[in-house]
Amino acid sequence: MQFRFVKDLAIALIVILLGFLAVRLVMVENRVSDVPEKSVYTKESVSDTLMSQIQTIENSIQDRKMFVFNSRKDPLRQGNIIKDKVDRQKEFEEMVRNTFRLSTTAIDEFGNRIAYVEYQDALHAARVGDTVAGRRILEINEKNIRYSMGGNTYTANLMPRPVMTQDDPYVIKGTSGNW
């Protein structure tokens, strides 16, 4: 018997909810029909000439957003004559990257000499007769290697990885010499 009352209560709530939604829909429809066809601000609207100027400015902004610089340098920094710390750091990293540097030499278990050469951010292991970055290894000694490139013979001595020198302490502290 109680189940029937619950069912009747649920149906009554659904009917009340639908009635409420119908009244709300009628109220919204009445508000929408009260909106005039022409705005009260029609007289203050933008003229055609002003609208074309606005459109021209918007097109110019879009063109500037899509512009691609062909310069390898930052366009805002092209006029700099004095190099700052960032410029010097980039130049140093590029110099280290392009240096053909003998890192170390070793002897394998068969008695063959191996040279480890750092070039272009990679460590290359090479034996006599191998070619590393267009350079043919001719001889491997304890502290240097001889290689040929472009018909010439060169010697690369064993050297540690370069370290960038510290800047002037006055520049680092931001002072003019008075501590």
Protein backbone atom coordinates (compact mmCIF):
# COMPACT_ATOMS: atom_id res chain seq x y z
CA MET A 1 0.00 0.00 0.00
CA GLN A 2 2.85 2.40 0.79
CA PHE A 3 4.42 1.87 -2.63
CA ARG A 4 1.33 3.34 -4.27
CA PHE A 5 1.65 6.55 -2.20
CA VAL A 6 5.32 6.93 -3.16
CA LYS A 7 4.44 6.46 -6.81
CA ASP A 8 1.64 9.07 -6.57
CA LEU A 9 4.00 11.48 -4.81
CA ALA A 10 6.62 11.11 -7.56
CA ILE A 11 4.04 11.73 -10.29
CA ALA A 12 2.73 14.80 -8.45
CA LEU A 13 6.26 16.23 -8.12
CA ILE A 14 6.90 15.70 -11.83
CA VAL A 15 3.64 17.45 -12.76
CA ILE A 16 4.46 20.39 -10.44
CA LEU A 17 7.96 20.67 -11.93
CA LEU A 18 6.62 20.64 -15.49
CA GLY A 19 4.09 23.33 -14.57
CA PHE A 20 6.83 25.49 -13.06
CA LEU A 21 9.01 25.10 -16.18
CA ALA A 22 6.10 26.03 -18.45
CA VAL A 23 5.43 29.22 -16.46
CA ARG A 24 9.13 30.10 -16.56
CA LEU A 25 9.25 29.56 -20.34
CA VAL A 26 6.27 31.89 -20.86
CA MET A 27 7.93 34.59 -18.73
CA VAL A 28 11.17 34.39 -20.74
CA GLU A 29 9.23 34.56 -24.02
CA ASN A 30 7.48 37.72 -22.83
CA ARG A 31 10.81 39.37 -21.97
CA VAL A 32 12.27 38.51 -25.38
CA SER A 33 9.28 39.96 -27.21
CA ASP A 34 9.78 43.27 -25.34
CA VAL A 35 13.20 43.85 -27.02
CA PRO A 36 12.81 46.51 -29.76
CA GLU A 37 13.86 45.83 -33.34
CA LYS A 38 16.16 48.87 -33.45
CA SER A 39 18.51 49.72 -30.65
CA VAL A 40 18.29 53.03 -28.82
CA TYR A 41 21.98 53.48 -29.70
CA THR A 42 21.45 53.35 -33.47
CA LYS A 43 22.24 57.06 -33.84
CA GLU A 44 25.57 56.58 -32.05
CA SER A 45 26.72 53.68 -34.23
CA VAL A 46 30.02 53.67 -36.10
CA SER A 47 30.20 55.28 -39.52
CA ASP A 48 31.39 53.32 -42.55
CA THR A 49 34.67 55.27 -42.81
CA LEU A 50 35.49 54.65 -39.16
CA MET A 51 34.59 50.99 -39.54
CA SER A 52 36.93 50.65 -42.55
CA GLN A 53 39.75 52.30 -40.56
CA ILE A 54 39.19 49.86 -37.67
CA GLN A 55 39.25 46.96 -40.12
CA THR A 56 42.53 48.24 -41.64
CA ILE A 57 44.13 48.43 -38.19
CA GLU A 58 42.92 44.92 -37.30
CA ASN A 59 44.37 43.55 -40.57
CA SER A 60 47.68 45.27 -39.85
CA ILE A 61 47.80 43.69 -36.39
CA GLN A 62 47.09 40.24 -37.86
CA ASP A 63 49.83 40.73 -40.50
CA ARG A 64 52.34 41.64 -37.78
CA LYS A 65 51.41 38.57 -35.77
CA MET A 66 52.08 36.34 -38.78
CA PHE A 67 55.39 38.06 -39.76
CA VAL A 68 58.47 35.81 -39.69
CA PHE A 69 61.91 37.37 -39.25
CA ASN A 70 64.60 36.13 -41.65
CA SER A 71 67.44 37.27 -39.39
CA ARG A 72 69.36 34.75 -37.29
CA LYS A 73 69.72 37.36 -34.54
CA ASP A 74 67.03 38.63 -32.24
CA PRO A 75 65.56 41.66 -34.10
CA LEU A 76 65.43 43.68 -30.90
CA ARG A 77 69.15 43.12 -30.28
CA GLN A 78 70.58 43.67 -33.79
CA GLY A 79 71.92 47.14 -33.10
CA ASN A 80 73.92 46.14 -30.03
CA ILE A 81 77.61 46.88 -30.42
CA ILE A 82 78.50 45.93 -26.85
CA LYS A 83 77.99 42.24 -26.16
CA ASP A 84 76.33 41.32 -22.90
CA LYS A 85 76.75 38.16 -20.85
CA VAL A 86 74.16 36.22 -22.87
CA ASP A 87 75.92 37.05 -26.16
CA ARG A 88 79.32 36.05 -24.77
CA GLN A 89 77.87 32.80 -23.35
CA LYS A 90 76.35 31.88 -26.73
CA GLU A 91 79.60 32.64 -28.57
CA PHE A 92 81.59 30.55 -26.10
CA GLU A 93 79.20 27.59 -26.37
CA GLU A 94 79.36 27.78 -30.18
CA MET A 95 83.18 27.89 -30.07
CA VAL A 96 83.31 24.83 -27.78
CA ARG A 97 80.79 22.98 -29.96
CA ASN A 98 82.86 23.58 -33.13
CA THR A 99 86.25 22.72 -31.62
CA PHE A 100 87.74 19.39 -32.73
CA ARG A 101 89.15 18.45 -29.31
CA LEU A 102 91.10 15.35 -28.25
CA SER A 103 89.55 14.35 -24.92
CA THR A 104 91.66 11.32 -24.09
CA THR A 105 93.49 8.35 -25.53
CA ALA A 106 93.27 4.76 -24.35
CA ILE A 107 94.53 1.28 -25.17
CA ASP A 108 92.04 -1.58 -25.54
CA GLU A 109 92.56 -5.17 -24.38
CA PHE A 110 94.28 -6.05 -27.69
CA GLY A 111 96.82 -3.24 -27.43
CA ASN A 112 95.15 -1.00 -30.04
CA ARG A 113 95.12 2.75 -29.35
CA ILE A 114 91.77 4.53 -29.25
CA ALA A 115 91.33 8.30 -29.41
CA TYR A 116 88.22 9.94 -27.96
CA VAL A 117 87.46 13.15 -29.82
CA GLU A 118 84.75 15.62 -28.84
CA TYR A 119 83.12 17.50 -31.72
CA GLN A 120 79.64 18.95 -32.29
CA ASP A 121 78.35 17.88 -28.83
CA ALA A 122 79.30 14.22 -29.44
CA LEU A 123 82.15 12.04 -28.20
CA HIS A 124 83.62 9.97 -31.04
CA ALA A 125 85.82 6.91 -30.44
CA ALA A 126 88.31 6.41 -33.29
CA ARG A 127 91.22 4.15 -34.16
CA VAL A 128 93.98 4.69 -36.72
CA GLY A 129 92.37 4.77 -40.16
CA ASP A 130 88.92 5.86 -38.94
CA THR A 131 87.30 9.08 -40.08
CA VAL A 132 85.73 11.52 -37.62
CA ALA A 133 83.88 14.56 -39.00
CA GLY A 134 85.80 14.43 -42.29
CA ARG A 135 89.18 14.00 -40.57
CA ARG A 136 91.09 10.76 -41.15
CA ILE A 137 93.07 9.62 -38.09
CA LEU A 138 96.69 8.87 -39.10
CA GLU A 139 98.41 8.32 -35.78
CA ILE A 140 97.41 8.10 -32.11
CA ASN A 141 100.01 8.90 -29.44
CA GLU A 142 99.70 9.20 -25.67
CA LYS A 143 99.13 12.98 -25.68
CA ASN A 144 98.15 13.81 -29.26
CA ILE A 145 96.79 12.55 -32.55
CA ARG A 146 97.70 13.31 -36.14
CA TYR A 147 94.95 13.55 -38.71
CA SER A 148 94.53 14.63 -42.30
CA MET A 149 91.82 16.81 -43.73
CA GLY A 150 91.64 18.39 -47.17
CA GLY A 151 95.10 17.12 -48.09
CA ASN A 152 96.80 18.73 -45.06
CA THR A 153 98.07 17.02 -41.91
CA TYR A 154 97.24 18.45 -38.48
CA THR A 155 98.02 17.57 -34.86
CA ALA A 156 95.46 17.74 -32.06
CA ASN A 157 96.93 17.75 -28.56
CA LEU A 158 95.20 16.35 -25.52
CA MET A 159 93.41 19.21 -23.77
CA PRO A 160 90.68 19.62 -21.16
CA ARG A 161 87.28 21.01 -22.01
CA PRO A 162 87.49 24.84 -22.06
CA VAL A 163 85.84 26.73 -19.23
CA MET A 164 84.35 30.17 -19.72
CA THR A 165 86.28 32.81 -17.77
CA GLN A 166 84.54 34.83 -15.09
CA ASP A 167 83.37 38.32 -15.94
CA ASP A 168 84.88 41.46 -14.51
CA PRO A 169 83.95 41.60 -10.77
CA TYR A 170 82.78 45.20 -11.14
CA VAL A 171 80.27 44.11 -13.77
CA ILE A 172 79.08 41.18 -11.64
CA LYS A 173 78.60 43.33 -8.49
CA GLY A 174 77.10 46.18 -10.50
CA THR A 175 79.46 48.68 -8.88
CA SER A 176 81.92 51.19 -10.23
CA GLY A 177 84.84 49.93 -8.15
CA ASN A 178 83.73 50.98 -4.68
CA TRP A 179 82.94 47.94 -2.60
